[in-house]
Amino acid sequence: MKLVNQSMSAFPVVIGGNMKKSEDRSALEAGFEIGLWNSRWAVLVAVVSSVAAALLMFYIATVDTVYTVQHLLSYSGIEDYADRGEIRAEAVAQVVEIIDIFLLAIVLLIFGLGLYELYISKIDHAYEADDEASGHLLSINSLDDLKSRLGKVIMMILIVKFFELAIGMEVDDTMALLMFGAGVLMSAVALVLTEMASRGSKG
């Protein structure tokens, strides 16, 4: 047993890419490394803030949905087609904006959960529950995985925002029509490239 302890005490420790013997580490260095490692708990500020902001966005989108429904309750009683068209266009714009807010809330939620899993600890309850949602939402093994998931949702936000702007766009000349078509084409290309990148990373 003494032989094992002697061999373990002489075993070199790898710190920062340098080989170092355990007895060479001073108490000051060990304490500093412990404090440096525990500093990762500062990430909790970003985690809590992101989740709180996500809940706030869900609340805002829900309230907007309720008011939009209340605004449209009188839609069936409007007989004039032009008035209905104006209300319909306004309602579509409001719904698209609500979708945009929900997507932003999802981005904040993914960001908060991903940071916690990367820098603090795995969320054991999610994996013990054997829920399919945990496999899709929490399978983040690196910062690149987190960026990839955020990038996809942000791409959807931009496309929804383009759709929102396209609704109110007036195509009254050839240049406006070409710009509108180019915007649609670039959105489609962005979706295709995002899907190809996702399949490539999985492969």
N, C-alpha and C. Protein backbone atom coordinates (compact mmCIF):
# COMPACT_ATOMS: atom_id res chain seq x y z
N MET A 1 0.84 -1.21 0.00
CA MET A 1 0.00 0.00 0.00
C MET A 1 0.87 1.25 0.00
N LYS A 2 2.04 1.20 0.76
CA LYS A 2 2.95 2.32 0.76
C LYS A 2 3.57 2.53 -0.60
N LEU A 3 3.85 1.39 -1.27
CA LEU A 3 4.44 1.47 -2.60
C LEU A 3 3.51 2.18 -3.57
N VAL A 4 2.22 1.90 -3.45
CA VAL A 4 1.23 2.54 -4.31
C VAL A 4 1.16 4.03 -4.04
N ASN A 5 1.17 4.42 -2.75
CA ASN A 5 1.10 5.83 -2.40
C ASN A 5 2.32 6.59 -2.89
N GLN A 6 3.52 5.93 -2.77
CA GLN A 6 4.73 6.58 -3.23
C GLN A 6 4.71 6.78 -4.74
N SER A 7 4.22 5.78 -5.45
CA SER A 7 4.17 5.90 -6.91
C SER A 7 3.16 6.95 -7.34
N MET A 8 2.02 7.08 -6.61
CA MET A 8 1.02 8.08 -6.94
C MET A 8 1.53 9.48 -6.66
N SER A 9 2.31 9.65 -5.56
CA SER A 9 2.82 10.98 -5.24
C SER A 9 3.86 11.44 -6.24
N ALA A 10 4.56 10.48 -6.86
CA ALA A 10 5.57 10.85 -7.85
C ALA A 10 4.99 10.96 -9.24
N PHE A 11 3.70 10.63 -9.39
CA PHE A 11 3.09 10.65 -10.72
C PHE A 11 2.90 12.09 -11.18
N PRO A 12 3.32 12.44 -12.38
CA PRO A 12 3.21 13.82 -12.85
C PRO A 12 1.77 14.21 -13.13
N VAL A 13 1.43 15.44 -12.86
CA VAL A 13 0.10 15.98 -13.10
C VAL A 13 0.17 16.93 -14.28
N VAL A 14 -0.80 16.82 -15.21
CA VAL A 14 -0.83 17.67 -16.38
C VAL A 14 -1.67 18.90 -16.08
N ILE A 15 -1.07 20.09 -16.10
CA ILE A 15 -1.78 21.34 -15.86
C ILE A 15 -1.37 22.31 -16.94
N GLY A 16 -2.38 22.74 -17.74
CA GLY A 16 -2.11 23.71 -18.79
C GLY A 16 -1.15 23.20 -19.84
N GLY A 17 -1.11 21.88 -20.07
CA GLY A 17 -0.23 21.32 -21.08
C GLY A 17 1.17 21.05 -20.57
N ASN A 18 1.53 21.40 -19.33
CA ASN A 18 2.85 21.19 -18.77
C ASN A 18 2.80 20.05 -17.76
N MET A 19 3.82 19.21 -17.77
CA MET A 19 3.90 18.11 -16.83
C MET A 19 4.42 18.65 -15.51
N LYS A 20 3.70 18.38 -14.42
CA LYS A 20 4.06 18.93 -13.13
C LYS A 20 3.83 17.88 -12.06
N LYS A 21 4.76 17.73 -11.16
CA LYS A 21 4.59 16.79 -10.07
C LYS A 21 3.67 17.38 -9.02
N SER A 22 2.90 16.50 -8.37
CA SER A 22 1.90 16.98 -7.42
C SER A 22 2.55 17.68 -6.23
N GLU A 23 3.79 17.25 -5.81
CA GLU A 23 4.38 17.90 -4.66
C GLU A 23 4.91 19.30 -4.99
N ASP A 24 5.05 19.62 -6.29
CA ASP A 24 5.54 20.93 -6.70
C ASP A 24 4.45 22.01 -6.60
N ARG A 25 3.19 21.61 -6.44
CA ARG A 25 2.10 22.57 -6.38
C ARG A 25 2.01 23.15 -4.97
N SER A 26 2.14 24.46 -4.90
CA SER A 26 2.06 25.13 -3.60
C SER A 26 0.61 25.27 -3.18
N ALA A 27 0.41 25.58 -1.92
CA ALA A 27 -0.94 25.78 -1.41
C ALA A 27 -1.59 26.99 -2.07
N LEU A 28 -0.78 28.01 -2.36
CA LEU A 28 -1.31 29.20 -3.01
C LEU A 28 -1.79 28.89 -4.43
N GLU A 29 -1.01 28.10 -5.14
CA GLU A 29 -1.39 27.73 -6.50
C GLU A 29 -2.64 26.87 -6.49
N ALA A 30 -2.71 25.91 -5.57
CA ALA A 30 -3.88 25.04 -5.48
C ALA A 30 -5.13 25.85 -5.15
N GLY A 31 -5.00 26.80 -4.21
CA GLY A 31 -6.15 27.63 -3.86
C GLY A 31 -6.60 28.51 -5.02
N PHE A 32 -5.60 29.03 -5.76
CA PHE A 32 -5.94 29.87 -6.91
C PHE A 32 -6.67 29.07 -7.98
N GLU A 33 -6.23 27.84 -8.23
CA GLU A 33 -6.87 27.00 -9.24
C GLU A 33 -8.29 26.62 -8.83
N ILE A 34 -8.47 26.37 -7.53
CA ILE A 34 -9.82 26.07 -7.05
C ILE A 34 -10.75 27.28 -7.24
N GLY A 35 -10.23 28.46 -6.89
CA GLY A 35 -11.04 29.67 -7.08
C GLY A 35 -11.31 29.95 -8.55
N LEU A 36 -10.29 29.69 -9.39
CA LEU A 36 -10.47 29.90 -10.83
C LEU A 36 -11.52 28.96 -11.39
N TRP A 37 -11.50 27.71 -10.93
CA TRP A 37 -12.48 26.74 -11.42
C TRP A 37 -13.89 27.08 -10.93
N ASN A 38 -13.99 27.52 -9.68
CA ASN A 38 -15.30 27.88 -9.14
C ASN A 38 -15.86 29.17 -9.73
N SER A 39 -15.01 29.94 -10.40
CA SER A 39 -15.49 31.18 -11.02
C SER A 39 -16.48 30.91 -12.14
N ARG A 40 -16.54 29.67 -12.61
CA ARG A 40 -17.50 29.34 -13.67
C ARG A 40 -18.93 29.51 -13.21
N TRP A 41 -19.13 29.55 -11.87
CA TRP A 41 -20.49 29.74 -11.36
C TRP A 41 -21.04 31.11 -11.69
N ALA A 42 -20.18 32.03 -12.14
CA ALA A 42 -20.65 33.34 -12.59
C ALA A 42 -21.55 33.21 -13.82
N VAL A 43 -21.43 32.07 -14.51
CA VAL A 43 -22.29 31.83 -15.67
C VAL A 43 -23.76 31.76 -15.26
N LEU A 44 -24.00 31.46 -13.98
CA LEU A 44 -25.39 31.41 -13.50
C LEU A 44 -26.12 32.74 -13.70
N VAL A 45 -25.37 33.84 -13.67
CA VAL A 45 -25.99 35.15 -13.91
C VAL A 45 -26.61 35.18 -15.30
N ALA A 46 -25.84 34.71 -16.29
CA ALA A 46 -26.35 34.67 -17.67
C ALA A 46 -27.48 33.66 -17.81
N VAL A 47 -27.38 32.54 -17.11
CA VAL A 47 -28.42 31.50 -17.19
C VAL A 47 -29.74 32.01 -16.65
N VAL A 48 -29.71 32.57 -15.44
CA VAL A 48 -30.94 33.07 -14.81
C VAL A 48 -31.52 34.23 -15.62
N SER A 49 -30.65 35.13 -16.08
CA SER A 49 -31.13 36.27 -16.87
C SER A 49 -31.76 35.82 -18.17
N SER A 50 -31.17 34.83 -18.84
CA SER A 50 -31.71 34.35 -20.10
C SER A 50 -33.07 33.68 -19.92
N VAL A 51 -33.18 32.84 -18.89
CA VAL A 51 -34.45 32.17 -18.63
C VAL A 51 -35.52 33.18 -18.23
N ALA A 52 -35.14 34.17 -17.40
CA ALA A 52 -36.10 35.20 -17.01
C ALA A 52 -36.56 36.01 -18.21
N ALA A 53 -35.62 36.36 -19.09
CA ALA A 53 -35.98 37.10 -20.31
C ALA A 53 -36.86 36.25 -21.22
N ALA A 54 -36.59 34.94 -21.28
CA ALA A 54 -37.42 34.05 -22.10
C ALA A 54 -38.86 34.01 -21.57
N LEU A 55 -39.00 33.89 -20.25
CA LEU A 55 -40.34 33.89 -19.66
C LEU A 55 -41.06 35.22 -19.92
N LEU A 56 -40.30 36.31 -19.87
CA LEU A 56 -40.89 37.62 -20.15
C LEU A 56 -41.38 37.70 -21.60
N MET A 57 -40.59 37.16 -22.53
CA MET A 57 -41.00 37.17 -23.93
C MET A 57 -42.24 36.29 -24.16
N PHE A 58 -42.29 35.14 -23.46
CA PHE A 58 -43.48 34.30 -23.55
C PHE A 58 -44.71 35.05 -23.03
N TYR A 59 -44.53 35.79 -21.95
CA TYR A 59 -45.64 36.56 -21.38
C TYR A 59 -46.11 37.63 -22.37
N ILE A 60 -45.16 38.36 -22.96
CA ILE A 60 -45.52 39.42 -23.91
C ILE A 60 -46.25 38.84 -25.12
N ALA A 61 -45.73 37.72 -25.65
CA ALA A 61 -46.36 37.11 -26.82
C ALA A 61 -47.76 36.59 -26.50
N THR A 62 -47.93 36.06 -25.28
CA THR A 62 -49.24 35.55 -24.88
C THR A 62 -50.25 36.68 -24.75
N VAL A 63 -49.84 37.79 -24.13
CA VAL A 63 -50.73 38.95 -24.00
C VAL A 63 -51.09 39.50 -25.38
N ASP A 64 -50.12 39.60 -26.27
CA ASP A 64 -50.40 40.07 -27.63
C ASP A 64 -51.37 39.15 -28.35
N THR A 65 -51.24 37.86 -28.11
CA THR A 65 -52.17 36.90 -28.73
C THR A 65 -53.59 37.12 -28.24
N VAL A 66 -53.74 37.31 -26.94
CA VAL A 66 -55.07 37.53 -26.37
C VAL A 66 -55.71 38.79 -26.95
N TYR A 67 -54.94 39.87 -27.03
CA TYR A 67 -55.47 41.11 -27.57
C TYR A 67 -55.78 41.00 -29.06
N THR A 68 -54.98 40.23 -29.78
CA THR A 68 -55.25 40.02 -31.21
C THR A 68 -56.55 39.26 -31.41
N VAL A 69 -56.78 38.24 -30.59
CA VAL A 69 -58.03 37.48 -30.68
C VAL A 69 -59.21 38.36 -30.34
N GLN A 70 -59.08 39.18 -29.30
CA GLN A 70 -60.17 40.08 -28.94
C GLN A 70 -60.45 41.09 -30.04
N HIS A 71 -59.40 41.53 -30.71
CA HIS A 71 -59.57 42.50 -31.79
C HIS A 71 -60.29 41.88 -33.00
N LEU A 72 -60.12 40.57 -33.18
CA LEU A 72 -60.69 39.90 -34.35
C LEU A 72 -62.07 39.30 -34.08
N LEU A 73 -62.58 39.44 -32.87
CA LEU A 73 -63.89 38.86 -32.58
C LEU A 73 -64.99 39.50 -33.41
N SER A 74 -64.80 40.77 -33.77
CA SER A 74 -65.81 41.47 -34.56
C SER A 74 -65.56 41.34 -36.06
N TYR A 75 -64.62 40.50 -36.46
CA TYR A 75 -64.26 40.40 -37.88
C TYR A 75 -65.42 39.87 -38.72
N SER A 76 -66.12 38.89 -38.18
CA SER A 76 -67.21 38.29 -38.96
C SER A 76 -68.38 39.24 -39.18
N GLY A 77 -68.48 40.28 -38.33
CA GLY A 77 -69.59 41.20 -38.48
C GLY A 77 -69.32 42.35 -39.44
N ILE A 78 -68.12 42.40 -40.01
CA ILE A 78 -67.78 43.48 -40.95
C ILE A 78 -68.20 43.06 -42.35
N GLU A 79 -69.07 43.82 -42.96
CA GLU A 79 -69.59 43.46 -44.28
C GLU A 79 -68.75 44.03 -45.42
N ASP A 80 -68.11 45.15 -45.21
CA ASP A 80 -67.33 45.77 -46.27
C ASP A 80 -66.03 44.98 -46.50
N TYR A 81 -65.79 44.59 -47.75
CA TYR A 81 -64.63 43.75 -48.08
C TYR A 81 -63.32 44.51 -47.86
N ALA A 82 -63.31 45.80 -48.20
CA ALA A 82 -62.08 46.60 -48.02
C ALA A 82 -61.71 46.71 -46.55
N ASP A 83 -62.71 46.90 -45.71
CA ASP A 83 -62.44 46.98 -44.27
C ASP A 83 -61.92 45.65 -43.73
N ARG A 84 -62.54 44.56 -44.22
CA ARG A 84 -62.06 43.24 -43.79
C ARG A 84 -60.63 43.00 -44.26
N GLY A 85 -60.32 43.43 -45.46
CA GLY A 85 -58.96 43.25 -45.96
C GLY A 85 -57.93 44.01 -45.14
N GLU A 86 -58.30 45.22 -44.72
CA GLU A 86 -57.39 46.00 -43.90
C GLU A 86 -57.17 45.35 -42.54
N ILE A 87 -58.26 44.87 -41.94
CA ILE A 87 -58.14 44.20 -40.64
C ILE A 87 -57.37 42.89 -40.78
N ARG A 88 -57.62 42.19 -41.89
CA ARG A 88 -56.93 40.91 -42.11
C ARG A 88 -55.43 41.12 -42.25
N ALA A 89 -55.02 42.12 -43.02
CA ALA A 89 -53.59 42.40 -43.19
C ALA A 89 -52.95 42.79 -41.86
N GLU A 90 -53.66 43.57 -41.07
CA GLU A 90 -53.14 43.96 -39.76
C GLU A 90 -53.03 42.76 -38.84
N ALA A 91 -54.01 41.85 -38.91
CA ALA A 91 -53.98 40.66 -38.06
C ALA A 91 -52.83 39.74 -38.45
N VAL A 92 -52.60 39.58 -39.75
CA VAL A 92 -51.49 38.72 -40.21
C VAL A 92 -50.16 39.29 -39.72
N ALA A 93 -50.00 40.61 -39.82
CA ALA A 93 -48.77 41.24 -39.34
C ALA A 93 -48.59 41.03 -37.84
N GLN A 94 -49.68 41.12 -37.08
CA GLN A 94 -49.60 40.92 -35.64
C GLN A 94 -49.24 39.47 -35.32
N VAL A 95 -49.82 38.52 -36.04
CA VAL A 95 -49.52 37.11 -35.79
C VAL A 95 -48.06 36.80 -36.10
N VAL A 96 -47.55 37.36 -37.20
CA VAL A 96 -46.15 37.15 -37.55
C VAL A 96 -45.23 37.74 -36.48
N GLU A 97 -45.59 38.90 -35.96
CA GLU A 97 -44.80 39.51 -34.89
C GLU A 97 -44.84 38.66 -33.63
N ILE A 98 -45.99 38.07 -33.33
CA ILE A 98 -46.10 37.19 -32.17
C ILE A 98 -45.20 35.97 -32.34
N ILE A 99 -45.20 35.39 -33.53
CA ILE A 99 -44.32 34.24 -33.80
C ILE A 99 -42.87 34.63 -33.60
N ASP A 100 -42.52 35.83 -34.06
CA ASP A 100 -41.16 36.33 -33.90
C ASP A 100 -40.77 36.42 -32.43
N ILE A 101 -41.69 36.89 -31.59
CA ILE A 101 -41.41 37.01 -30.16
C ILE A 101 -41.27 35.63 -29.52
N PHE A 102 -42.11 34.68 -29.91
CA PHE A 102 -41.99 33.31 -29.39
C PHE A 102 -40.65 32.69 -29.78
N LEU A 103 -40.21 32.90 -31.02
CA LEU A 103 -38.92 32.37 -31.44
C LEU A 103 -37.78 33.00 -30.64
N LEU A 104 -37.89 34.28 -30.37
CA LEU A 104 -36.87 34.94 -29.54
C LEU A 104 -36.84 34.34 -28.14
N ALA A 105 -38.01 34.05 -27.61
CA ALA A 105 -38.07 33.41 -26.29
C ALA A 105 -37.40 32.04 -26.32
N ILE A 106 -37.60 31.30 -27.40
CA ILE A 106 -36.97 29.98 -27.52
C ILE A 106 -35.45 30.12 -27.60
N VAL A 107 -34.97 31.13 -28.32
CA VAL A 107 -33.52 31.38 -28.40
C VAL A 107 -32.95 31.62 -27.00
N LEU A 108 -33.61 32.47 -26.23
CA LEU A 108 -33.13 32.77 -24.88
C LEU A 108 -33.16 31.54 -23.98
N LEU A 109 -34.19 30.71 -24.14
CA LEU A 109 -34.30 29.50 -23.33
C LEU A 109 -33.19 28.51 -23.68
N ILE A 110 -32.96 28.29 -24.97
CA ILE A 110 -31.89 27.39 -25.40
C ILE A 110 -30.53 27.90 -24.92
N PHE A 111 -30.35 29.22 -25.01
CA PHE A 111 -29.08 29.81 -24.58
C PHE A 111 -28.85 29.58 -23.09
N GLY A 112 -29.87 29.81 -22.28
CA GLY A 112 -29.72 29.63 -20.84
C GLY A 112 -29.46 28.18 -20.45
N LEU A 113 -30.25 27.26 -21.00
CA LEU A 113 -30.07 25.84 -20.68
C LEU A 113 -28.74 25.32 -21.20
N GLY A 114 -28.36 25.78 -22.40
CA GLY A 114 -27.09 25.34 -22.98
C GLY A 114 -25.90 25.81 -22.17
N LEU A 115 -25.91 27.05 -21.72
CA LEU A 115 -24.82 27.55 -20.88
C LEU A 115 -24.71 26.76 -19.58
N TYR A 116 -25.86 26.44 -18.99
CA TYR A 116 -25.83 25.69 -17.73
C TYR A 116 -25.21 24.31 -17.94
N GLU A 117 -25.62 23.65 -19.02
CA GLU A 117 -25.10 22.30 -19.28
C GLU A 117 -23.61 22.31 -19.63
N LEU A 118 -23.16 23.36 -20.31
CA LEU A 118 -21.77 23.41 -20.73
C LEU A 118 -20.82 23.76 -19.59
N TYR A 119 -21.22 24.70 -18.73
CA TYR A 119 -20.28 25.25 -17.76
C TYR A 119 -20.59 24.91 -16.31
N ILE A 120 -21.80 24.44 -16.02
CA ILE A 120 -22.13 24.13 -14.63
C ILE A 120 -22.30 22.63 -14.44
N SER A 121 -23.37 22.07 -14.95
CA SER A 121 -23.63 20.65 -14.75
C SER A 121 -24.75 20.20 -15.68
N LYS A 122 -24.80 18.92 -15.91
CA LYS A 122 -25.92 18.34 -16.66
C LYS A 122 -27.20 18.43 -15.83
N ILE A 123 -28.31 18.64 -16.51
CA ILE A 123 -29.60 18.71 -15.82
C ILE A 123 -30.10 17.28 -15.66
N ASP A 124 -29.80 16.69 -14.51
CA ASP A 124 -30.08 15.26 -14.30
C ASP A 124 -31.55 14.93 -14.43
N HIS A 125 -32.41 15.80 -13.94
CA HIS A 125 -33.85 15.51 -13.97
C HIS A 125 -34.35 15.33 -15.40
N ALA A 126 -33.81 16.07 -16.32
CA ALA A 126 -34.26 15.96 -17.72
C ALA A 126 -33.92 14.59 -18.29
N TYR A 127 -32.76 14.06 -17.93
CA TYR A 127 -32.36 12.76 -18.47
C TYR A 127 -32.99 11.61 -17.72
N GLU A 128 -33.24 11.80 -16.42
CA GLU A 128 -33.91 10.75 -15.64
C GLU A 128 -35.36 10.59 -16.07
N ALA A 129 -35.99 11.67 -16.52
CA ALA A 129 -37.38 11.61 -16.94
C ALA A 129 -37.56 10.87 -18.25
N ASP A 130 -36.45 10.63 -18.96
CA ASP A 130 -36.50 9.93 -20.25
C ASP A 130 -37.47 10.62 -21.21
N ASP A 131 -37.40 11.93 -21.25
CA ASP A 131 -38.27 12.73 -22.10
C ASP A 131 -37.59 12.97 -23.43
N GLU A 132 -38.36 12.85 -24.52
CA GLU A 132 -37.79 13.07 -25.84
C GLU A 132 -37.33 14.52 -26.01
N ALA A 133 -37.97 15.44 -25.32
CA ALA A 133 -37.60 16.85 -25.45
C ALA A 133 -36.17 17.09 -24.98
N SER A 134 -35.73 16.33 -23.98
CA SER A 134 -34.36 16.53 -23.49
C SER A 134 -33.34 16.15 -24.55
N GLY A 135 -33.67 15.14 -25.37
CA GLY A 135 -32.75 14.74 -26.42
C GLY A 135 -32.59 15.80 -27.49
N HIS A 136 -33.67 16.52 -27.78
CA HIS A 136 -33.63 17.56 -28.81
C HIS A 136 -33.09 18.88 -28.26
N LEU A 137 -33.41 19.18 -27.02
CA LEU A 137 -33.10 20.49 -26.48
C LEU A 137 -31.77 20.53 -25.74
N LEU A 138 -31.44 19.45 -25.02
CA LEU A 138 -30.29 19.48 -24.12
C LEU A 138 -29.08 18.70 -24.62
N SER A 139 -29.12 18.16 -25.83
CA SER A 139 -27.96 17.43 -26.35
C SER A 139 -26.93 18.42 -26.88
N ILE A 140 -26.34 19.19 -25.96
CA ILE A 140 -25.35 20.19 -26.31
C ILE A 140 -24.04 19.78 -25.65
N ASN A 141 -23.08 19.37 -26.47
CA ASN A 141 -21.82 18.85 -25.96
C ASN A 141 -20.67 19.84 -26.08
N SER A 142 -20.86 20.91 -26.81
CA SER A 142 -19.80 21.88 -26.99
C SER A 142 -20.41 23.23 -27.32
N LEU A 143 -19.54 24.25 -27.34
CA LEU A 143 -20.00 25.59 -27.67
C LEU A 143 -20.46 25.66 -29.12
N ASP A 144 -19.87 24.81 -29.98
CA ASP A 144 -20.29 24.78 -31.39
C ASP A 144 -21.71 24.25 -31.52
N ASP A 145 -22.07 23.25 -30.70
CA ASP A 145 -23.45 22.74 -30.71
C ASP A 145 -24.43 23.83 -30.30
N LEU A 146 -24.06 24.60 -29.28
CA LEU A 146 -24.93 25.68 -28.82
C LEU A 146 -25.09 26.74 -29.90
N LYS A 147 -23.97 27.11 -30.55
CA LYS A 147 -24.04 28.10 -31.62
C LYS A 147 -24.87 27.60 -32.79
N SER A 148 -24.76 26.31 -33.08
CA SER A 148 -25.53 25.74 -34.19
C SER A 148 -27.03 25.81 -33.93
N ARG A 149 -27.42 25.45 -32.71
CA ARG A 149 -28.84 25.50 -32.36
C ARG A 149 -29.37 26.93 -32.35
N LEU A 150 -28.58 27.82 -31.79
CA LEU A 150 -29.00 29.22 -31.77
C LEU A 150 -29.07 29.78 -33.19
N GLY A 151 -28.12 29.39 -34.03
CA GLY A 151 -28.11 29.88 -35.41
C GLY A 151 -29.35 29.48 -36.18
N LYS A 152 -29.83 28.26 -35.95
CA LYS A 152 -31.03 27.81 -36.66
C LYS A 152 -32.25 28.62 -36.25
N VAL A 153 -32.39 28.85 -34.95
CA VAL A 153 -33.56 29.59 -34.48
C VAL A 153 -33.47 31.06 -34.91
N ILE A 154 -32.26 31.63 -34.85
CA ILE A 154 -32.09 33.01 -35.29
C ILE A 154 -32.40 33.13 -36.78
N MET A 155 -32.02 32.11 -37.56
CA MET A 155 -32.35 32.11 -38.99
C MET A 155 -33.86 32.14 -39.20
N MET A 156 -34.59 31.38 -38.39
CA MET A 156 -36.05 31.39 -38.50
C MET A 156 -36.62 32.75 -38.11
N ILE A 157 -36.01 33.39 -37.10
CA ILE A 157 -36.47 34.72 -36.71
C ILE A 157 -36.30 35.71 -37.86
N LEU A 158 -35.16 35.65 -38.53
CA LEU A 158 -34.90 36.56 -39.64
C LEU A 158 -35.87 36.32 -40.80
N ILE A 159 -36.16 35.05 -41.07
CA ILE A 159 -37.08 34.74 -42.15
C ILE A 159 -38.49 35.22 -41.82
N VAL A 160 -38.90 35.01 -40.56
CA VAL A 160 -40.22 35.50 -40.14
C VAL A 160 -40.26 37.02 -40.21
N LYS A 161 -39.16 37.67 -39.83
CA LYS A 161 -39.10 39.14 -39.91
C LYS A 161 -39.19 39.60 -41.37
N PHE A 162 -38.54 38.87 -42.27
CA PHE A 162 -38.63 39.21 -43.69
C PHE A 162 -40.07 39.04 -44.19
N PHE A 163 -40.72 37.99 -43.73
CA PHE A 163 -42.11 37.76 -44.12
C PHE A 163 -43.00 38.89 -43.61
N GLU A 164 -42.71 39.34 -42.37
CA GLU A 164 -43.48 40.44 -41.80
C GLU A 164 -43.32 41.71 -42.63
N LEU A 165 -42.09 42.00 -43.05
CA LEU A 165 -41.85 43.19 -43.88
C LEU A 165 -42.42 43.02 -45.28
N ALA A 166 -42.38 41.77 -45.78
CA ALA A 166 -42.87 41.53 -47.13
C ALA A 166 -44.38 41.72 -47.23
N ILE A 167 -45.09 41.50 -46.12
CA ILE A 167 -46.54 41.67 -46.14
C ILE A 167 -46.92 43.11 -46.46
N GLY A 168 -46.20 44.04 -45.85
CA GLY A 168 -46.52 45.45 -46.06
C GLY A 168 -45.79 46.08 -47.23
N MET A 169 -45.02 45.29 -47.96
CA MET A 169 -44.25 45.84 -49.09
C MET A 169 -45.17 46.07 -50.29
N GLU A 170 -45.03 47.22 -50.89
CA GLU A 170 -45.82 47.55 -52.08
C GLU A 170 -44.96 47.35 -53.33
N VAL A 171 -45.35 46.38 -54.12
CA VAL A 171 -44.62 46.07 -55.36
C VAL A 171 -45.30 46.83 -56.49
N ASP A 172 -44.78 48.03 -56.76
CA ASP A 172 -45.43 48.87 -57.75
C ASP A 172 -44.56 49.15 -58.98
N ASP A 173 -43.34 48.59 -59.00
CA ASP A 173 -42.50 48.74 -60.19
C ASP A 173 -41.61 47.52 -60.33
N THR A 174 -40.85 47.48 -61.43
CA THR A 174 -40.03 46.31 -61.74
C THR A 174 -38.92 46.12 -60.72
N MET A 175 -38.29 47.20 -60.29
CA MET A 175 -37.19 47.10 -59.33
C MET A 175 -37.67 46.54 -58.00
N ALA A 176 -38.83 46.99 -57.54
CA ALA A 176 -39.37 46.46 -56.29
C ALA A 176 -39.69 44.98 -56.41
N LEU A 177 -40.20 44.58 -57.57
CA LEU A 177 -40.51 43.16 -57.80
C LEU A 177 -39.23 42.33 -57.79
N LEU A 178 -38.16 42.84 -58.43
CA LEU A 178 -36.89 42.13 -58.46
C LEU A 178 -36.30 42.01 -57.04
N MET A 179 -36.39 43.08 -56.29
CA MET A 179 -35.88 43.05 -54.91
C MET A 179 -36.66 42.06 -54.06
N PHE A 180 -37.97 42.03 -54.25
CA PHE A 180 -38.81 41.09 -53.50
C PHE A 180 -38.44 39.65 -53.86
N GLY A 181 -38.30 39.38 -55.16
CA GLY A 181 -37.92 38.04 -55.60
C GLY A 181 -36.53 37.64 -55.11
N ALA A 182 -35.59 38.61 -55.10
CA ALA A 182 -34.25 38.32 -54.60
C ALA A 182 -34.27 38.00 -53.11
N GLY A 183 -35.11 38.70 -52.36
CA GLY A 183 -35.22 38.42 -50.94
C GLY A 183 -35.77 37.03 -50.67
N VAL A 184 -36.78 36.64 -51.43
CA VAL A 184 -37.34 35.29 -51.28
C VAL A 184 -36.30 34.23 -51.65
N LEU A 185 -35.55 34.48 -52.74
CA LEU A 185 -34.53 33.53 -53.18
C LEU A 185 -33.42 33.39 -52.14
N MET A 186 -32.97 34.49 -51.59
CA MET A 186 -31.91 34.42 -50.58
C MET A 186 -32.39 33.72 -49.32
N SER A 187 -33.65 33.91 -48.96
CA SER A 187 -34.20 33.21 -47.79
C SER A 187 -34.22 31.70 -48.03
N ALA A 188 -34.62 31.30 -49.23
CA ALA A 188 -34.64 29.88 -49.57
C ALA A 188 -33.23 29.29 -49.58
N VAL A 189 -32.27 30.02 -50.14
CA VAL A 189 -30.89 29.54 -50.16
C VAL A 189 -30.34 29.41 -48.75
N ALA A 190 -30.65 30.38 -47.88
CA ALA A 190 -30.19 30.31 -46.50
C ALA A 190 -30.75 29.09 -45.78
N LEU A 191 -32.02 28.76 -46.03
CA LEU A 191 -32.61 27.57 -45.43
C LEU A 191 -31.94 26.30 -45.93
N VAL A 192 -31.68 26.25 -47.24
CA VAL A 192 -31.04 25.06 -47.82
C VAL A 192 -29.64 24.88 -47.26
N LEU A 193 -28.86 25.96 -47.19
CA LEU A 193 -27.50 25.88 -46.68
C LEU A 193 -27.50 25.49 -45.20
N THR A 194 -28.45 26.01 -44.44
CA THR A 194 -28.54 25.65 -43.03
C THR A 194 -28.85 24.17 -42.85
N GLU A 195 -29.74 23.64 -43.68
CA GLU A 195 -30.09 22.23 -43.62
C GLU A 195 -28.90 21.35 -44.04
N MET A 196 -28.18 21.78 -45.08
CA MET A 196 -27.00 21.02 -45.53
C MET A 196 -25.92 21.02 -44.46
N ALA A 197 -25.71 22.15 -43.80
CA ALA A 197 -24.71 22.21 -42.73
C ALA A 197 -25.11 21.33 -41.56
N SER A 198 -26.42 21.29 -41.26
CA SER A 198 -26.89 20.46 -40.15
C SER A 198 -26.69 18.97 -40.46
N ARG A 199 -27.01 18.55 -41.68
CA ARG A 199 -26.83 17.16 -42.05
C ARG A 199 -25.35 16.79 -42.10
N GLY A 200 -24.51 17.75 -42.53
CA GLY A 200 -23.08 17.49 -42.57
C GLY A 200 -22.47 17.30 -41.20
N SER A 201 -22.93 18.08 -40.24
CA SER A 201 -22.43 17.96 -38.87
C SER A 201 -22.89 16.65 -38.23
N LYS A 202 -24.11 16.22 -38.57
CA LYS A 202 -24.60 14.94 -38.02
C LYS A 202 -23.87 13.76 -38.65
N GLY A 203 -23.53 13.92 -39.96
CA GLY A 203 -22.83 12.83 -40.62
C GLY A 203 -21.40 12.72 -40.15
